[in-house]
Amino acid sequence: MRKPLAIAAANVRRLMRDRSNIFFVLVLPLGIIIIIGSLFGGSFEPIVGVYNDDGGPFSAELTAALEATDGIEVRTFDSEDDLVGDVERGDVAAGLVIPADYESALRSGGTATVQFAARPDGTGQELQAAVTGIVSRQGQLIKAARFASGATGVDFDDALIRAQQLQAALPRTTVETEVLGEAVFGDSPGQFDTGAATQLVLFMFLTGLVGAAALIQTRNYGVSRRMLSTPTSSRQIVLGEALGRFGVVMLQGLYIMGATWLMFRVSWGEPLGAAAVVVLFAAAAAGAAMLIGSVFDNDQQVGGIGVVAGIGLAALGGSMIPLEFYSDTMYTIAHATPHAWANEAFADMVRRDAGFVDILPQLGALAAFAVVLLALASWRLRAAIVK
């Protein structure tokens, strides 16, 4: 077993010594995950930032009304610059600045101006309407209290309390929503969760196929024949190359999982289930890489074929468009790829809280892909190195 492990270690070292892999294997996957998460990821509950420069009861009531609004998350800021900066970067969907004279202006019968900032998109416009409604309701109460205080001579605060009581007693219009059918994505995933899983599947397989060029170089440069001239059997060479391909793909997968968890706290679902999916998918990718590396003789040709095949299979298998949006026919066709089974398993674990037992059908399919591809690749590679 020592010789196959030595061959496998040599393949992994070859990957790490190639400087171009620093970008394509380490930087590019995270960059695409960040782009997908920034554009399409995250929950559907927008965040409204609030900078309260007043600190009085009226501004506190305004903030509390925002926090009590369904579908809006409120985040407080310590400065206006920080709030505006986060709005510009898209970290919050909108921002509300309450001026320092908010309380005094409203109590004296003057006008207080709150500032609203949002990105020029549909979400910003919807939030502006919601915030405007909340501010208007508070303004109407204060106007009513001011009118009652002037007309009857009662204290303004007492009139305001009475206005709030009357408003609470007024009949309200209740809007009820009902979700028909099953939600496509279940509970809202984290911002980068969905993109991380699909890109993990894409890049693991792509790295394996492109890395098949190294296997062709090993054959063309006579390394395999020189190993056969030593006390190393063809079976040991095949096993070592298989472990090498598996190690390269696993290194890619573990890097993406670890980096996204540390940087974005991406949820990968149940650890045992996620580990099983990655291991079996890596074995399938290793088998595919060995197969094309033993069939073709031109490493430059395999590089191009690997990129096209890797991206094409990933697109068909749900790494570009979620499988939930496929037609019944395309859904069935997609499952001719290991990508679809891996993406489906991650989707069930990340978006629908499935466990290891729940994804056993997907794991069984991935295991079948791995066994068939590794068996075919081992047979073809052995024939190629002993001819």
Protein backbone atom coordinates (compact mmCIF):
# COMPACT_ATOMS: atom_id res chain seq x y z
CA MET A 1 0.00 0.00 0.00
CA ARG A 2 3.01 2.28 0.50
CA LYS A 3 3.72 2.59 -3.25
CA PRO A 4 0.16 3.61 -4.27
CA LEU A 5 0.14 6.20 -1.50
CA ALA A 6 3.49 7.57 -2.72
CA ILE A 7 2.10 7.88 -6.26
CA ALA A 8 -1.01 9.61 -4.91
CA ALA A 9 1.06 12.04 -2.83
CA ALA A 10 3.14 12.90 -5.90
CA ASN A 11 -0.02 13.79 -7.82
CA VAL A 12 -1.25 16.07 -5.04
CA ARG A 13 2.15 17.79 -4.81
CA ARG A 14 2.10 18.34 -8.57
CA LEU A 15 -1.23 20.13 -8.21
CA MET A 16 0.06 22.41 -5.46
CA ARG A 17 3.29 23.28 -7.31
CA ASP A 18 1.45 24.56 -10.37
CA ARG A 19 1.07 28.29 -9.72
CA SER A 20 -1.87 28.62 -12.10
CA ASN A 21 -3.87 26.41 -9.75
CA ILE A 22 -3.66 29.08 -7.05
CA PHE A 23 -6.21 31.07 -9.04
CA PHE A 24 -8.32 28.38 -10.70
CA VAL A 25 -8.48 26.01 -7.74
CA LEU A 26 -8.34 28.36 -4.75
CA VAL A 27 -9.40 31.89 -5.75
CA LEU A 28 -11.94 31.45 -8.58
CA PRO A 29 -14.40 29.17 -6.69
CA LEU A 30 -14.68 31.57 -3.76
CA GLY A 31 -15.01 34.53 -6.11
CA ILE A 32 -17.95 32.95 -7.92
CA ILE A 33 -19.58 31.95 -4.62
CA ILE A 34 -19.29 35.56 -3.41
CA ILE A 35 -20.82 36.90 -6.64
CA ILE A 36 -23.73 34.44 -6.59
CA GLY A 37 -24.39 35.06 -2.91
CA SER A 38 -24.27 38.84 -3.33
CA LEU A 39 -26.64 38.84 -6.30
CA PHE A 40 -29.09 36.05 -5.50
CA GLY A 41 -28.40 34.75 -2.01
CA GLY A 42 -29.71 35.51 1.40
CA SER A 43 -33.04 35.43 3.08
CA PHE A 44 -35.95 37.43 1.76
CA GLU A 45 -36.19 39.59 4.89
CA PRO A 46 -34.54 42.94 4.09
CA ILE A 47 -32.46 44.76 6.69
CA VAL A 48 -33.18 48.42 7.50
CA GLY A 49 -30.40 50.23 9.28
CA VAL A 50 -31.28 52.96 11.78
CA TYR A 51 -29.04 55.74 13.08
CA ASN A 52 -30.81 57.50 15.96
CA ASP A 53 -29.15 60.83 16.66
CA ASP A 54 -32.01 61.95 18.92
CA GLY A 55 -32.44 59.34 21.62
CA GLY A 56 -35.80 60.65 22.83
CA PRO A 57 -39.04 58.74 23.37
CA PHE A 58 -40.43 59.62 19.92
CA SER A 59 -37.40 58.26 18.08
CA ALA A 60 -37.43 55.16 20.29
CA GLU A 61 -41.10 54.60 19.44
CA LEU A 62 -40.34 55.01 15.74
CA THR A 63 -37.57 52.43 15.92
CA ALA A 64 -39.79 50.05 17.89
CA ALA A 65 -42.51 50.39 15.24
CA LEU A 66 -39.99 49.42 12.56
CA GLU A 67 -38.84 46.42 14.59
CA ALA A 68 -42.45 45.29 15.05
CA THR A 69 -43.10 45.34 11.30
CA ASP A 70 -43.28 41.86 9.79
CA GLY A 71 -40.76 41.15 7.06
CA ILE A 72 -38.25 43.79 8.14
CA GLU A 73 -35.11 43.31 10.21
CA VAL A 74 -33.74 46.40 11.97
CA ARG A 75 -30.06 46.98 12.63
CA THR A 76 -28.88 50.01 14.65
CA PHE A 77 -25.76 52.02 13.77
CA ASP A 78 -23.50 54.31 15.78
CA SER A 79 -22.90 56.85 13.01
CA GLU A 80 -24.54 58.13 9.86
CA ASP A 81 -21.41 57.44 7.80
CA ASP A 82 -21.37 53.78 8.80
CA LEU A 83 -25.04 53.45 7.90
CA VAL A 84 -24.70 55.09 4.49
CA GLY A 85 -21.60 53.04 3.76
CA ASP A 86 -23.41 49.78 4.47
CA VAL A 87 -26.30 50.85 2.24
CA GLU A 88 -23.88 51.63 -0.58
CA ARG A 89 -22.20 48.23 -0.23
CA GLY A 90 -25.52 46.42 -0.04
CA ASP A 91 -24.94 45.09 3.48
CA VAL A 92 -28.31 46.61 4.44
CA ALA A 93 -31.20 47.18 2.07
CA ALA A 94 -32.03 50.68 3.34
CA GLY A 95 -31.18 53.19 6.06
CA LEU A 96 -33.11 55.64 8.22
CA VAL A 97 -31.44 58.63 9.88
CA ILE A 98 -33.37 60.22 12.77
CA PRO A 99 -32.11 63.79 13.35
CA ALA A 100 -30.99 65.15 16.70
CA ASP A 101 -33.91 67.61 16.93
CA TYR A 102 -36.60 65.01 16.16
CA GLU A 103 -38.25 65.10 19.59
CA SER A 104 -37.97 68.83 20.20
CA ALA A 105 -39.24 69.76 16.73
CA LEU A 106 -42.33 67.58 16.98
CA ARG A 107 -43.17 68.73 20.49
CA SER A 108 -42.89 72.41 19.54
CA GLY A 109 -45.17 72.01 16.53
CA GLY A 110 -42.36 72.22 14.02
CA THR A 111 -41.29 69.83 11.31
CA ALA A 112 -38.69 67.10 11.73
CA THR A 113 -37.11 65.57 8.65
CA VAL A 114 -35.95 61.97 8.72
CA GLN A 115 -33.57 60.88 5.98
CA PHE A 116 -34.07 57.66 4.07
CA ALA A 117 -31.37 56.01 1.94
CA ALA A 118 -31.69 52.92 -0.25
CA ARG A 119 -30.21 51.35 -3.34
CA PRO A 120 -32.13 52.06 -6.58
CA ASP A 121 -33.93 48.76 -6.82
CA GLY A 122 -37.37 47.34 -6.16
CA THR A 123 -36.59 46.42 -2.57
CA GLY A 124 -35.54 49.98 -1.77
CA GLN A 125 -38.78 51.37 -3.16
CA GLU A 126 -40.88 48.89 -1.20
CA LEU A 127 -39.02 49.69 2.02
CA GLN A 128 -39.42 53.41 1.42
CA ALA A 129 -43.19 52.95 1.23
CA ALA A 130 -43.20 50.89 4.45
CA VAL A 131 -41.01 53.36 6.35
CA THR A 132 -43.05 56.32 5.07
CA GLY A 133 -46.21 54.67 6.39
CA ILE A 134 -44.70 54.13 9.84
CA VAL A 135 -43.39 57.70 10.06
CA SER A 136 -46.75 59.06 8.85
CA ARG A 137 -48.68 57.12 11.48
CA GLN A 138 -46.54 58.55 14.24
CA GLY A 139 -46.91 62.02 12.77
CA GLN A 140 -50.70 61.69 12.67
CA LEU A 141 -50.79 60.73 16.35
CA ILE A 142 -48.64 63.71 17.29
CA LYS A 143 -50.83 66.06 15.22
CA ALA A 144 -53.96 64.69 16.86
CA ALA A 145 -52.44 65.11 20.34
CA ARG A 146 -51.29 68.64 19.53
CA PHE A 147 -54.79 69.57 18.28
CA ALA A 148 -56.48 68.07 21.35
CA SER A 149 -54.03 69.83 23.67
CA GLY A 150 -54.66 73.19 22.02
CA ALA A 151 -58.43 72.78 21.90
CA THR A 152 -58.99 71.48 25.42
CA GLY A 153 -55.96 72.74 27.34
CA VAL A 154 -54.90 69.24 28.48
CA ASP A 155 -51.24 68.40 28.73
CA PHE A 156 -49.68 67.34 25.42
CA ASP A 157 -48.35 64.06 26.83
CA ASP A 158 -51.77 63.17 28.26
CA ALA A 159 -53.39 63.99 24.92
CA LEU A 160 -50.84 61.83 23.13
CA ILE A 161 -51.53 58.88 25.43
CA ARG A 162 -55.25 59.26 24.81
CA ALA A 163 -54.67 59.41 21.03
CA GLN A 164 -52.62 56.23 21.20
CA GLN A 165 -55.38 54.51 23.17
CA LEU A 166 -58.01 55.56 20.65
CA GLN A 167 -55.83 54.42 17.75
CA ALA A 168 -55.35 51.02 19.38
CA ALA A 169 -59.12 50.67 19.81
CA LEU A 170 -59.88 51.38 16.15
CA PRO A 171 -60.79 48.33 14.02
CA ARG A 172 -57.90 47.12 11.88
CA THR A 173 -57.80 45.51 8.48
CA THR A 174 -56.25 42.07 8.73
CA VAL A 175 -54.40 40.55 5.77
CA GLU A 176 -53.84 36.80 5.81
CA THR A 177 -51.51 34.98 3.42
CA GLU A 178 -51.55 31.30 2.60
CA VAL A 179 -48.85 29.34 0.81
CA LEU A 180 -50.34 26.84 -1.61
CA GLY A 181 -48.25 23.78 -2.38
CA GLU A 182 -44.74 23.12 -1.16
CA ALA A 183 -42.22 25.93 -0.96
CA VAL A 184 -39.48 25.46 -3.55
CA PHE A 185 -36.61 26.31 -1.24
CA GLY A 186 -38.12 25.58 2.16
CA ASP A 187 -36.81 27.85 4.87
CA SER A 188 -34.73 30.75 3.57
CA PRO A 189 -31.09 29.63 3.35
CA GLY A 190 -28.13 31.78 4.25
CA GLN A 191 -26.81 34.25 1.72
CA PHE A 192 -24.05 31.96 0.42
CA ASP A 193 -25.44 28.52 1.28
CA THR A 194 -27.07 27.62 -2.03
CA GLY A 195 -24.31 29.02 -4.22
CA ALA A 196 -21.57 27.36 -2.17
CA ALA A 197 -23.09 23.89 -2.53
CA THR A 198 -23.64 24.09 -6.28
CA GLN A 199 -20.20 25.59 -6.95
CA LEU A 200 -18.57 22.95 -4.77
CA VAL A 201 -20.05 20.29 -7.05
CA LEU A 202 -19.03 22.19 -10.19
CA PHE A 203 -15.42 22.83 -9.21
CA MET A 204 -14.70 19.43 -7.69
CA PHE A 205 -15.63 17.68 -10.93
CA LEU A 206 -14.03 20.36 -13.10
CA THR A 207 -10.76 20.18 -11.19
CA GLY A 208 -10.75 16.41 -11.56
CA LEU A 209 -11.31 16.48 -15.33
CA VAL A 210 -8.78 19.22 -16.00
CA GLY A 211 -6.28 17.44 -13.76
CA ALA A 212 -6.50 14.39 -16.03
CA ALA A 213 -3.88 16.12 -18.17
CA ALA A 214 -1.29 15.22 -15.53
CA LEU A 215 -2.15 11.54 -15.97
CA ILE A 216 -1.56 11.80 -19.72
CA GLN A 217 1.77 13.53 -19.10
CA THR A 218 2.76 10.70 -16.77
CA ARG A 219 2.13 8.21 -19.58
CA ASN A 220 3.63 10.29 -22.40
CA TYR A 221 6.81 11.11 -20.48
CA GLY A 222 7.38 7.44 -19.79
CA VAL A 223 6.95 7.71 -16.03
CA SER A 224 4.47 4.83 -15.96
CA ARG A 225 6.83 2.58 -17.96
CA ARG A 226 9.74 3.41 -15.68
CA MET A 227 7.61 2.56 -12.65
CA LEU A 228 6.76 -0.79 -14.25
CA SER A 229 10.48 -1.49 -14.59
CA THR A 230 10.74 -1.33 -10.81
CA PRO A 231 9.08 -3.74 -8.37
CA THR A 232 5.81 -1.84 -8.86
CA SER A 233 2.91 -3.71 -10.42
CA SER A 234 0.43 -2.21 -12.85
CA ARG A 235 -2.25 -2.71 -10.22
CA GLN A 236 -0.31 -0.57 -7.75
CA ILE A 237 0.17 2.14 -10.37
CA VAL A 238 -3.54 2.18 -11.20
CA LEU A 239 -4.44 2.31 -7.51
CA GLY A 240 -1.95 5.11 -6.91
CA GLU A 241 -3.28 7.17 -9.82
CA ALA A 242 -6.84 6.62 -8.60
CA LEU A 243 -5.90 7.76 -5.10
CA GLY A 244 -4.05 10.72 -6.60
CA ARG A 245 -7.09 11.85 -8.59
CA PHE A 246 -9.26 11.32 -5.51
CA GLY A 247 -6.85 13.30 -3.33
CA VAL A 248 -6.79 16.24 -5.73
CA VAL A 249 -10.59 16.42 -5.92
CA MET A 250 -11.01 15.96 -2.16
CA LEU A 251 -8.48 18.73 -1.52
CA GLN A 252 -10.60 21.04 -3.69
CA GLY A 253 -13.81 20.04 -1.91
CA LEU A 254 -12.43 20.36 1.61
CA TYR A 255 -10.92 23.73 0.79
CA ILE A 256 -14.24 25.14 -0.50
CA MET A 257 -16.17 23.73 2.45
CA GLY A 258 -13.69 24.98 5.03
CA ALA A 259 -13.15 28.41 3.47
CA THR A 260 -16.86 29.15 3.00
CA TRP A 261 -17.64 28.01 6.54
CA LEU A 262 -14.94 30.21 8.03
CA MET A 263 -15.62 33.26 5.84
CA PHE A 264 -19.41 33.15 5.42
CA ARG A 265 -20.60 30.60 8.00
CA VAL A 266 -22.09 28.53 5.19
CA SER A 267 -24.27 25.68 6.42
CA TRP A 268 -23.49 22.32 4.81
CA GLY A 269 -26.25 20.42 6.57
CA GLU A 270 -25.71 17.36 8.74
CA PRO A 271 -21.93 16.77 8.97
CA LEU A 272 -22.12 13.01 8.36
CA GLY A 273 -24.35 13.47 5.31
CA ALA A 274 -22.24 16.29 3.89
CA ALA A 275 -19.04 14.27 4.36
CA ALA A 276 -20.59 11.24 2.64
CA VAL A 277 -21.71 13.33 -0.35
CA VAL A 278 -18.28 14.92 -0.77
CA VAL A 279 -16.39 11.61 -0.48
CA LEU A 280 -18.62 9.73 -2.93
CA PHE A 281 -18.76 12.61 -5.38
CA ALA A 282 -14.96 12.93 -5.21
CA ALA A 283 -14.68 9.21 -6.01
CA ALA A 284 -16.99 9.64 -9.01
CA ALA A 285 -15.00 12.66 -10.21
CA ALA A 286 -11.74 10.76 -9.76
CA GLY A 287 -13.11 7.90 -11.86
CA ALA A 288 -14.18 10.29 -14.63
CA ALA A 289 -10.77 11.99 -14.59
CA MET A 290 -8.96 8.66 -14.80
CA LEU A 291 -11.20 7.54 -17.65
CA ILE A 292 -10.54 10.50 -19.93
CA GLY A 293 -6.89 10.52 -18.86
CA SER A 294 -6.51 6.94 -20.07
CA VAL A 295 -8.56 7.32 -23.28
CA PHE A 296 -6.87 10.44 -24.69
CA ASP A 297 -3.17 10.90 -25.47
CA ASN A 298 -2.91 14.69 -25.81
CA ASP A 299 -2.80 16.59 -22.53
CA GLN A 300 -3.63 19.93 -24.21
CA GLN A 301 -6.68 18.37 -25.81
CA VAL A 302 -7.86 16.96 -22.52
CA GLY A 303 -7.53 20.37 -20.88
CA GLY A 304 -10.06 21.86 -23.29
CA ILE A 305 -12.34 18.83 -23.20
CA GLY A 306 -12.22 18.81 -19.41
CA VAL A 307 -13.36 22.43 -19.14
CA VAL A 308 -16.20 22.00 -21.65
CA ALA A 309 -17.34 18.69 -20.18
CA GLY A 310 -17.01 19.89 -16.61
CA ILE A 311 -19.05 23.04 -17.14
CA GLY A 312 -21.59 21.29 -19.38
CA LEU A 313 -22.25 18.45 -16.95
CA ALA A 314 -22.48 20.91 -14.06
CA ALA A 315 -25.03 23.00 -15.96
CA LEU A 316 -27.08 19.92 -16.79
CA GLY A 317 -26.81 18.64 -13.22
CA GLY A 318 -28.22 21.74 -11.51
CA SER A 319 -25.12 23.77 -10.65
CA MET A 320 -26.26 26.74 -12.75
CA ILE A 321 -30.04 26.58 -12.34
CA PRO A 322 -31.63 24.82 -9.33
CA LEU A 323 -33.12 21.44 -10.16
CA GLU A 324 -36.43 22.61 -8.72
CA PHE A 325 -36.91 24.79 -11.80
CA TYR A 326 -36.37 21.94 -14.29
CA SER A 327 -39.21 20.40 -16.25
CA ASP A 328 -40.02 16.77 -15.51
CA THR A 329 -38.15 15.64 -18.61
CA MET A 330 -35.05 17.74 -17.91
CA TYR A 331 -35.15 16.69 -14.26
CA THR A 332 -34.96 13.04 -15.33
CA ILE A 333 -32.19 13.71 -17.85
CA ALA A 334 -30.18 15.69 -15.29
CA HIS A 335 -29.98 12.64 -13.04
CA ALA A 336 -27.82 10.94 -15.65
CA THR A 337 -25.03 13.02 -14.09
CA PRO A 338 -23.56 12.61 -10.60
CA HIS A 339 -23.90 16.38 -10.21
CA ALA A 340 -27.69 16.19 -10.00
CA TRP A 341 -27.59 13.61 -7.20
CA ALA A 342 -25.00 15.61 -5.24
CA ASN A 343 -26.86 18.91 -5.72
CA GLU A 344 -30.11 17.25 -4.68
CA ALA A 345 -28.52 15.82 -1.55
CA PHE A 346 -27.08 19.20 -0.52
CA ALA A 347 -30.39 20.93 -1.29
CA ASP A 348 -32.25 18.50 0.94
CA MET A 349 -29.79 18.95 3.80
CA VAL A 350 -29.27 22.71 3.55
CA ARG A 351 -32.75 23.89 2.58
CA ARG A 352 -35.00 21.16 3.95
CA ASP A 353 -33.09 19.95 7.05
CA ALA A 354 -32.73 16.39 5.74
CA GLY A 355 -30.43 14.00 7.58
CA PHE A 356 -28.10 11.19 6.55
CA VAL A 357 -30.90 8.63 6.29
CA ASP A 358 -33.02 10.97 4.14
CA ILE A 359 -30.33 11.25 1.46
CA LEU A 360 -29.51 7.54 1.22
CA PRO A 361 -30.99 7.32 -2.32
CA GLN A 362 -28.66 10.10 -3.49
CA LEU A 363 -25.70 8.50 -1.74
CA GLY A 364 -26.51 5.16 -3.36
CA ALA A 365 -26.58 6.77 -6.81
CA LEU A 366 -23.26 8.54 -6.20
CA ALA A 367 -21.72 5.28 -5.02
CA ALA A 368 -22.91 3.57 -8.21
CA PHE A 369 -21.37 6.33 -10.36
CA ALA A 370 -18.09 6.01 -8.45
CA VAL A 371 -17.90 2.22 -8.76
CA VAL A 372 -18.72 2.16 -12.48
CA LEU A 373 -16.41 5.03 -13.42
CA LEU A 374 -13.49 3.79 -11.32
CA ALA A 375 -13.87 0.25 -12.67
CA LEU A 376 -13.92 1.40 -16.30
CA ALA A 377 -11.05 3.82 -15.72
CA SER A 378 -8.91 1.22 -13.93
CA TRP A 379 -9.39 -1.30 -16.73
CA ARG A 380 -8.62 1.26 -19.44
CA LEU A 381 -5.61 2.76 -17.63
CA ARG A 382 -4.07 -0.64 -16.94
CA ALA A 383 -4.40 -1.50 -20.62
CA ALA A 384 -2.82 1.83 -21.58
CA ILE A 385 0.28 1.52 -19.39
CA VAL A 386 1.11 -2.13 -20.09
CA LYS A 387 0.72 -2.03 -23.91
